[in-house]
Protein backbone atom coordinates (compact mmCIF):
# COMPACT_ATOMS: atom_id res chain seq x y z
CA MET A 1 74.33 54.38 109.05
CA ALA A 2 75.60 57.91 109.55
CA PRO A 3 75.32 59.22 113.10
CA ALA A 4 72.55 61.67 113.85
CA THR A 5 73.47 65.30 113.58
CA ALA A 6 73.42 67.21 116.85
CA PRO A 7 70.80 70.00 116.92
CA ASP A 8 71.99 73.58 116.78
CA THR A 9 71.02 74.02 120.43
CA ALA A 10 73.27 71.14 121.53
CA PRO A 11 76.13 72.05 123.88
CA VAL A 12 79.47 72.75 122.24
CA THR A 13 82.69 71.58 123.84
CA ALA A 14 86.24 72.30 122.76
CA PHE A 15 88.79 69.51 122.93
CA VAL A 16 92.58 69.89 122.60
CA VAL A 17 94.09 66.78 121.03
CA GLY A 18 97.54 65.81 122.29
CA ASN A 19 100.00 67.83 124.32
CA CYS A 20 102.62 70.49 123.60
CA ASP A 21 104.91 72.44 125.92
CA VAL A 22 105.94 75.24 123.54
CA ASP A 23 104.82 78.62 124.93
CA LEU A 24 104.08 81.57 122.64
CA TRP A 25 103.92 85.16 123.85
CA GLY A 26 103.93 83.89 127.43
CA LEU A 27 100.98 81.51 126.92
CA SER A 28 100.90 77.72 126.92
CA PRO A 29 99.00 76.07 124.03
CA ARG A 30 96.23 74.99 126.40
CA GLU A 31 95.77 78.51 127.80
CA ARG A 32 95.89 80.02 124.31
CA PHE A 33 93.13 77.69 123.15
CA ARG A 34 91.10 78.39 126.28
CA ARG A 35 91.19 82.12 125.55
CA SER A 36 90.53 81.63 121.83
CA PHE A 37 87.50 79.42 122.39
CA SER A 38 86.20 81.66 125.15
CA ARG A 39 86.17 84.56 122.69
CA ALA A 40 84.23 82.32 120.29
CA GLY A 41 81.62 81.54 122.97
CA ILE A 42 82.84 78.12 124.14
CA VAL A 43 83.38 77.91 127.88
CA THR A 44 84.29 74.23 128.29
CA VAL A 45 87.75 73.33 126.95
CA LEU A 46 88.92 69.76 127.58
CA GLY A 47 92.24 68.03 127.07
CA ASP A 48 93.47 64.48 126.56
CA ASP A 49 93.32 63.88 130.31
CA ILE A 50 89.50 64.16 130.23
CA PRO A 51 87.14 61.85 128.28
CA LEU A 52 85.35 63.19 125.23
CA PRO A 53 81.75 64.31 125.81
CA ASP A 54 79.01 61.92 124.72
CA ALA A 55 76.53 64.55 123.53
CA GLY A 56 76.45 67.76 121.57
CA ARG A 57 79.14 69.02 119.23
CA VAL A 58 82.87 68.85 119.77
CA VAL A 59 85.29 71.37 118.28
CA MET A 60 88.79 69.94 118.39
CA VAL A 61 92.25 71.22 117.58
CA ARG A 62 95.72 69.72 117.69
CA ALA A 63 97.81 70.99 120.59
CA ASP A 64 100.99 71.04 118.51
CA PHE A 65 99.65 73.66 116.08
CA VAL A 66 99.02 77.36 116.61
CA PHE A 67 95.87 78.78 115.02
CA ASP A 68 95.24 82.28 113.79
CA ASN A 69 92.32 83.65 115.78
CA ALA A 70 90.65 84.33 112.42
CA VAL A 71 90.37 80.54 112.02
CA ILE A 72 88.76 79.73 115.37
CA GLY A 73 85.51 81.64 114.74
CA PRO A 74 84.72 79.99 111.38
CA LEU A 75 85.75 76.61 112.81
CA VAL A 76 83.27 76.93 115.67
CA ALA A 77 80.51 78.18 113.35
CA ARG A 78 80.74 75.36 110.78
CA PRO A 79 79.71 71.88 111.95
CA ASN A 80 80.59 68.47 110.48
CA ILE A 81 84.02 69.33 109.09
CA ILE A 82 87.64 68.34 109.42
CA VAL A 83 90.18 71.02 108.48
CA THR A 84 93.52 70.22 106.89
CA VAL A 85 96.70 72.17 106.19
CA GLU A 86 99.42 71.31 103.72
CA LEU A 87 102.57 70.09 105.43
CA ASP A 88 105.55 68.56 103.60
CA GLY A 89 103.38 67.99 100.55
CA HIS A 90 100.59 66.24 102.47
CA ASN A 91 97.19 67.40 103.68
CA VAL A 92 97.34 66.98 107.45
CA PRO A 93 94.16 67.12 109.59
CA VAL A 94 94.54 69.70 112.36
CA ALA A 95 91.03 70.64 113.51
CA ALA A 96 87.45 69.42 113.45
CA ASN A 97 83.89 70.34 114.36
CA VAL A 98 81.87 67.13 114.70
CA ASP A 99 79.01 65.45 116.54
CA ALA A 100 79.97 63.75 119.78
CA ALA A 101 79.00 60.43 118.18
CA VAL A 102 82.01 60.57 115.86
CA ALA A 103 84.29 62.66 118.07
CA ALA A 104 86.49 59.69 119.02
CA ASP A 105 87.04 58.85 115.35
CA ALA A 106 87.78 62.49 114.51
CA ALA A 107 90.25 62.73 117.39
CA ALA A 108 91.99 59.57 116.18
CA CYS A 109 92.18 61.11 112.70
CA LEU A 110 93.84 64.24 114.10
CA ARG A 111 96.26 62.22 116.24
CA GLY A 112 97.27 59.99 113.36
CA GLY A 113 97.64 62.87 110.95
CA LEU A 114 95.98 60.90 108.14
CA VAL A 115 93.05 62.53 106.40
CA ASP A 116 92.00 59.17 104.91
CA SER A 117 90.87 58.09 108.37
CA ALA A 118 88.35 60.93 108.67
CA PRO A 119 84.78 59.86 109.55
CA HIS A 120 82.63 59.45 106.44
CA SER A 121 79.94 61.77 107.81
CA VAL A 122 82.15 64.88 107.77
CA THR A 123 83.42 67.15 105.02
CA VAL A 124 87.17 67.63 104.65
CA LEU A 125 88.16 71.25 104.00
CA GLY A 126 91.40 73.02 103.30
CA LEU A 127 92.22 76.06 105.42
CA ASP A 128 91.53 78.38 102.50
CA GLN A 129 87.99 76.97 102.26
CA LEU A 130 87.26 77.72 105.90
CA ALA A 131 88.57 81.18 106.76
CA PRO A 132 88.42 84.31 104.57
CA ALA A 133 91.57 86.19 103.63
CA TYR A 134 90.07 89.65 104.26
CA ASP A 135 90.34 90.81 107.86
CA GLU A 136 87.97 93.73 108.28
CA ALA A 137 89.13 94.60 111.81
CA LEU A 138 92.79 94.83 110.78
CA ARG A 139 92.02 96.36 107.36
CA LYS A 140 94.06 93.92 105.29
CA ARG A 141 93.91 90.94 103.00
CA GLU A 142 96.11 88.16 104.32
CA ASN A 143 95.71 84.40 104.46
CA PRO A 144 95.19 83.20 108.05
CA TYR A 145 97.77 80.81 109.42
CA VAL A 146 97.90 77.43 111.10
CA MET A 147 101.50 76.49 111.98
CA ARG A 148 103.10 73.49 113.61
CA LEU A 149 104.65 74.32 116.98
CA GLU A 150 108.29 73.32 117.00
CA PRO A 151 110.87 74.62 119.52
CA GLY A 152 113.41 75.34 116.78
CA ALA A 153 110.93 77.46 114.83
CA LEU A 154 109.71 79.54 117.77
CA HIS A 155 111.13 82.86 116.52
CA THR A 156 109.72 82.35 113.01
CA ILE A 157 106.31 81.43 114.41
CA GLU A 158 106.16 84.45 116.72
CA LYS A 159 107.19 86.77 113.89
CA ARG A 160 104.40 85.39 111.71
CA MET A 161 101.91 85.80 114.55
CA PHE A 162 103.08 89.38 115.09
CA GLN A 163 102.71 90.10 111.39
CA GLY A 164 99.18 88.74 111.57
CA SER A 165 98.34 91.13 114.42
CA TYR A 166 99.42 94.21 112.46
CA LYS A 167 96.97 96.49 110.69
CA GLY A 168 97.34 96.55 106.93
CA VAL A 169 96.14 100.12 106.34
CA THR A 170 97.78 102.61 108.66
CA ASP A 171 100.25 105.52 108.68
CA PHE A 172 103.77 105.23 107.30
CA VAL A 173 105.47 105.42 110.71
CA THR A 174 103.48 102.50 112.09
CA LYS A 175 103.77 100.54 108.84
CA TRP A 176 107.44 101.05 107.99
CA PHE A 177 109.32 102.06 111.14
CA TRP A 178 107.61 100.43 114.12
CA PRO A 179 107.31 96.70 113.20
CA VAL A 180 110.81 95.51 114.16
CA PRO A 181 111.20 97.39 117.48
CA ALA A 182 107.53 96.79 118.32
CA PHE A 183 108.01 93.03 117.86
CA TRP A 184 110.79 92.92 120.44
CA ALA A 185 109.02 95.32 122.82
CA THR A 186 105.80 93.31 122.65
CA LYS A 187 107.71 90.09 123.26
CA TYR A 188 109.44 91.64 126.27
CA VAL A 189 106.30 93.02 127.93
CA ALA A 190 104.47 89.72 127.28
CA ARG A 191 107.19 87.85 129.15
CA LEU A 192 106.98 90.38 131.98
CA GLY A 193 103.28 89.62 132.23
CA LEU A 194 102.19 93.23 131.68
CA THR A 195 98.64 93.69 130.43
CA PRO A 196 97.75 95.88 127.45
CA ASN A 197 95.92 98.30 129.76
CA VAL A 198 99.09 98.81 131.81
CA VAL A 199 100.98 99.70 128.62
CA THR A 200 98.14 102.04 127.61
CA THR A 201 98.27 103.73 131.02
CA ILE A 202 102.00 104.35 130.66
CA GLY A 203 101.18 105.93 127.32
CA LEU A 204 98.53 108.11 128.95
CA VAL A 205 101.09 109.42 131.45
CA LEU A 206 103.33 110.31 128.50
CA VAL A 207 100.41 112.08 126.80
CA PHE A 208 100.21 114.50 129.73
CA ALA A 209 103.99 114.79 129.97
CA ALA A 210 104.27 115.70 126.28
CA TYR A 211 101.47 118.26 126.63
CA PHE A 212 103.11 120.17 129.47
CA LEU A 213 106.55 119.97 127.87
CA PHE A 214 105.20 121.31 124.56
CA GLU A 215 103.36 124.09 126.40
CA SER A 216 106.63 125.08 128.09
CA GLY A 217 108.48 125.24 124.77
CA LEU A 218 110.60 122.19 125.69
CA TYR A 219 110.04 120.62 122.30
CA GLY A 220 112.94 118.17 122.31
CA THR A 221 111.94 116.53 125.58
CA GLY A 222 108.27 116.73 124.67
CA LEU A 223 108.88 115.01 121.35
CA ALA A 224 110.80 112.24 123.12
CA ALA A 225 107.81 111.64 125.42
CA GLY A 226 105.41 111.88 122.50
CA TRP A 227 107.30 109.42 120.32
CA VAL A 228 107.55 106.87 123.12
CA MET A 229 103.80 107.22 123.62
CA THR A 230 103.10 106.65 119.92
CA PHE A 231 105.34 103.59 119.99
CA LEU A 232 103.56 102.15 123.03
CA ASP A 233 100.28 102.82 121.23
CA THR A 234 101.43 100.23 118.71
CA VAL A 235 102.66 97.80 121.36
CA ASP A 236 99.49 97.71 123.49
CA GLY A 237 97.27 96.68 120.58
CA LYS A 238 99.65 93.97 119.40
CA LEU A 239 100.01 92.68 122.95
CA ALA A 240 96.22 92.46 123.32
CA ARG A 241 95.81 90.52 120.08
CA LEU A 242 98.75 88.18 120.63
CA THR A 243 97.85 87.33 124.22
CA LEU A 244 94.11 87.27 123.47
CA THR A 245 93.39 89.86 126.15
CA SER A 246 91.40 92.36 124.09
CA SER A 247 88.37 93.72 125.90
CA LYS A 248 85.64 96.29 125.31
CA PHE A 249 87.07 98.47 128.06
CA GLY A 250 90.60 98.14 126.70
CA ASN A 251 89.49 99.12 123.20
CA LEU A 252 87.53 102.09 124.54
CA TYR A 253 90.42 103.14 126.78
CA ASP A 254 93.02 102.92 124.03
CA HIS A 255 90.94 104.38 121.21
CA GLY A 256 89.52 107.09 123.45
CA ILE A 257 93.01 108.34 124.27
CA ASP A 258 94.02 108.14 120.61
CA LEU A 259 90.96 110.11 119.54
CA ILE A 260 91.12 112.89 122.11
CA HIS A 261 94.75 113.80 122.75
CA PRO A 262 96.19 114.93 119.35
CA PRO A 263 94.44 118.35 119.20
CA PHE A 264 95.63 119.10 122.73
CA TRP A 265 99.21 118.41 121.68
CA TYR A 266 98.89 120.84 118.76
CA VAL A 267 97.41 123.53 121.00
CA ALA A 268 100.19 123.00 123.55
CA TRP A 269 102.77 123.22 120.75
CA GLY A 270 101.31 126.56 119.69
CA LEU A 271 101.22 127.88 123.25
CA GLY A 272 104.88 126.96 123.70
CA LEU A 273 106.12 128.92 120.68
CA ALA A 274 106.61 132.12 122.69
CA ALA A 275 108.62 130.36 125.39
CA TYR A 276 110.80 128.76 122.71
CA GLY A 277 111.42 132.10 121.01
CA THR A 278 109.47 131.73 117.75
CA PRO A 279 106.08 133.25 118.61
CA LEU A 280 103.26 133.77 116.17
CA ALA A 281 101.11 136.87 116.41
CA ASP A 282 98.20 136.19 118.76
CA GLY A 283 95.58 136.53 116.05
CA TYR A 284 97.54 134.37 113.62
CA LEU A 285 98.18 131.68 116.25
CA THR A 286 94.48 131.58 117.07
CA VAL A 287 93.58 131.07 113.40
CA VAL A 288 96.18 128.32 112.95
CA LEU A 289 95.02 126.43 116.03
CA TRP A 290 91.35 126.75 115.10
CA VAL A 291 92.09 125.42 111.62
CA ILE A 292 93.91 122.41 113.07
CA VAL A 293 91.34 121.60 115.74
CA ALA A 294 88.27 122.22 113.57
CA GLY A 295 89.84 120.31 110.68
CA TYR A 296 90.66 117.41 112.95
CA ILE A 297 87.12 117.23 114.32
CA LEU A 298 85.51 117.61 110.89
CA GLY A 299 87.80 114.93 109.47
CA ARG A 300 86.80 112.50 112.20
CA VAL A 301 83.12 113.33 111.62
CA VAL A 302 83.49 112.60 107.90
CA GLU A 303 85.16 109.28 108.69
CA GLY A 304 82.36 108.44 111.11
CA ILE A 305 79.67 109.25 108.53
CA PHE A 306 81.44 107.06 105.98
CA MET A 307 81.62 104.20 108.48
CA ARG A 308 77.94 104.58 109.37
CA MET A 309 76.82 104.69 105.73
CA PHE A 310 79.04 102.00 104.25
CA ASN A 311 80.05 99.84 107.23
CA MET A 312 83.76 100.19 106.56
CA HIS A 313 86.58 102.65 107.15
CA ILE A 314 87.02 105.34 104.53
CA HIS A 315 90.69 104.34 104.29
CA VAL A 316 89.90 100.90 102.85
CA TRP A 317 87.41 101.88 100.16
CA GLN A 318 89.78 102.15 97.21
CA ARG A 319 93.52 101.86 96.85
CA VAL A 320 93.96 105.64 96.72
CA ASP A 321 92.33 105.92 100.14
CA SER A 322 94.72 103.36 101.62
CA VAL A 323 97.72 105.15 100.12
CA PHE A 324 96.51 108.53 101.39
CA ARG A 325 96.12 107.02 104.87
CA LEU A 326 99.90 106.59 104.97
CA PHE A 327 100.42 110.34 105.03
CA THR A 328 97.10 111.88 106.07
CA ALA A 329 97.11 114.50 108.82
CA ARG A 330 96.94 112.11 111.75
CA ARG A 331 99.15 112.13 114.83
CA ASN A 332 102.15 110.12 113.61
CA PRO A 333 102.70 111.88 110.26
CA ASN A 334 102.14 115.20 112.04
CA MET A 335 104.71 114.23 114.66
CA VAL A 336 107.25 113.77 111.88
CA VAL A 337 106.49 117.30 110.65
CA LEU A 338 106.82 118.72 114.17
CA THR A 339 110.06 116.83 114.77
CA LEU A 340 111.64 118.12 111.56
CA SER A 341 110.55 121.67 112.34
CA ALA A 342 112.01 121.45 115.86
CA VAL A 343 115.30 120.08 114.53
CA LEU A 344 115.46 123.02 112.13
CA GLY A 345 114.69 125.45 114.95
CA ARG A 346 111.36 126.55 113.46
CA PRO A 347 108.56 124.87 115.41
CA ASP A 348 106.25 127.66 114.26
CA VAL A 349 106.61 126.58 110.64
CA GLY A 350 105.81 122.99 111.61
CA LEU A 351 102.54 124.05 113.20
CA ILE A 352 101.56 126.11 110.16
CA ALA A 353 102.40 123.16 107.89
CA ILE A 354 100.13 120.88 109.93
CA ALA A 355 97.29 123.40 109.60
CA GLY A 356 97.66 123.41 105.83
CA TRP A 357 97.92 119.62 105.57
CA THR A 358 94.88 119.23 107.83
CA VAL A 359 92.83 121.33 105.41
CA VAL A 360 94.03 119.22 102.47
CA GLY A 361 93.23 115.96 104.25
CA THR A 362 89.78 117.08 105.39
CA LEU A 363 88.86 118.25 101.89
CA PHE A 364 90.14 114.98 100.40
CA HIS A 365 88.05 112.83 102.73
CA THR A 366 84.97 115.02 102.26
CA VAL A 367 85.26 114.65 98.48
CA ARG A 368 85.75 110.89 98.83
CA LEU A 369 82.61 110.66 100.96
CA GLY A 370 80.65 112.46 98.26
CA MET A 371 82.08 110.17 95.59
CA ALA A 372 81.11 107.08 97.57
CA VAL A 373 77.55 108.36 97.91
CA GLY A 374 77.46 108.83 94.14
CA VAL A 375 78.78 105.32 93.53
CA ARG A 376 76.10 103.82 95.76
CA ARG A 377 73.36 105.75 93.97
CA ARG A 378 74.58 104.56 90.57
CA HIS A 379 75.63 101.00 91.38
CA GLY A 380 73.93 100.17 94.65
CA ALA A 381 77.01 98.98 96.53
CA VAL A 382 80.30 100.31 97.86
CA ALA A 383 82.90 97.66 98.68
CA SER A 384 86.49 97.71 99.89
CA TRP A 385 89.19 97.01 97.34
CA LEU A 386 90.69 94.60 99.91
CA ALA A 387 87.56 92.44 100.22
């Protein structure tokens, strides 16, 4: 007779099967699972040194495997399953969500690594049947991972985890130039024990430093401060995801800074032109700065409307939107323009170029919003090309 199924209101306990002493990003496997399950709403996380519970549901994972956080949520949400991954040509059981009545049998199945010993009352699933490939938060389509923890493969595992933490749709600087140095910087600050909010605060100090340096016409030094800040803006997010320390405050803190500071940098750049020796006429400078600031605000408003109407970022609607995001008039691409103009000794031209590109980008996104509205009226749905 199959064991009775625990009711949905039954307590849920997490159980880590086995032991492993391989740390990743400064976290032990047990601590990583504790944080992962806590984010999924499970407070009690037990190990082999504590008996299995005798009531409720038990979500269990093997200690010698590292799980993409995109796997933990679906695992917790789907009862009566054992999850397998392919390893050396065999389907190896690595996780389960079962009733306490069969938890001992499920744990034995995970320890033995033989799917044939799975309790008859559960469904055996492959990883691809459990977790979706589309990650809405990171704007990308990528298969989630479950990897065996082996000391000799530590670097490969951490690189794959870092890749998994990276946004798929972003600007070309973040996508093509930051990954390698950001990997090593994130690894270093994780070992130091720095929190993402500390890294963000260092970036905030550099935001103010860049502003005052730009305003004084010290573009070289200001650009150095600005570029370090943009780099740390990549590091803090990766650190939060890899150490499972993301928080509502941290997201608000980081995204608030990102949202607010760029127009102030452009204004400071314009105010510093006279001190540098390439002034624009007062009336012309005012027009250029108003175009940049108003265009920036309008562009953000358009993106917000799109998000509100279609529940997704405008940059992930169709492939053209994702490609345009690489070069759109956001901070990092604009910083490249400003850097080139400073190197050529014409920071005034760089500011004018940003004004023009801001107009182009704002018009593009406004047109795309109108097109999406038309698609919904005709077809009833607007979906991301990545989904």
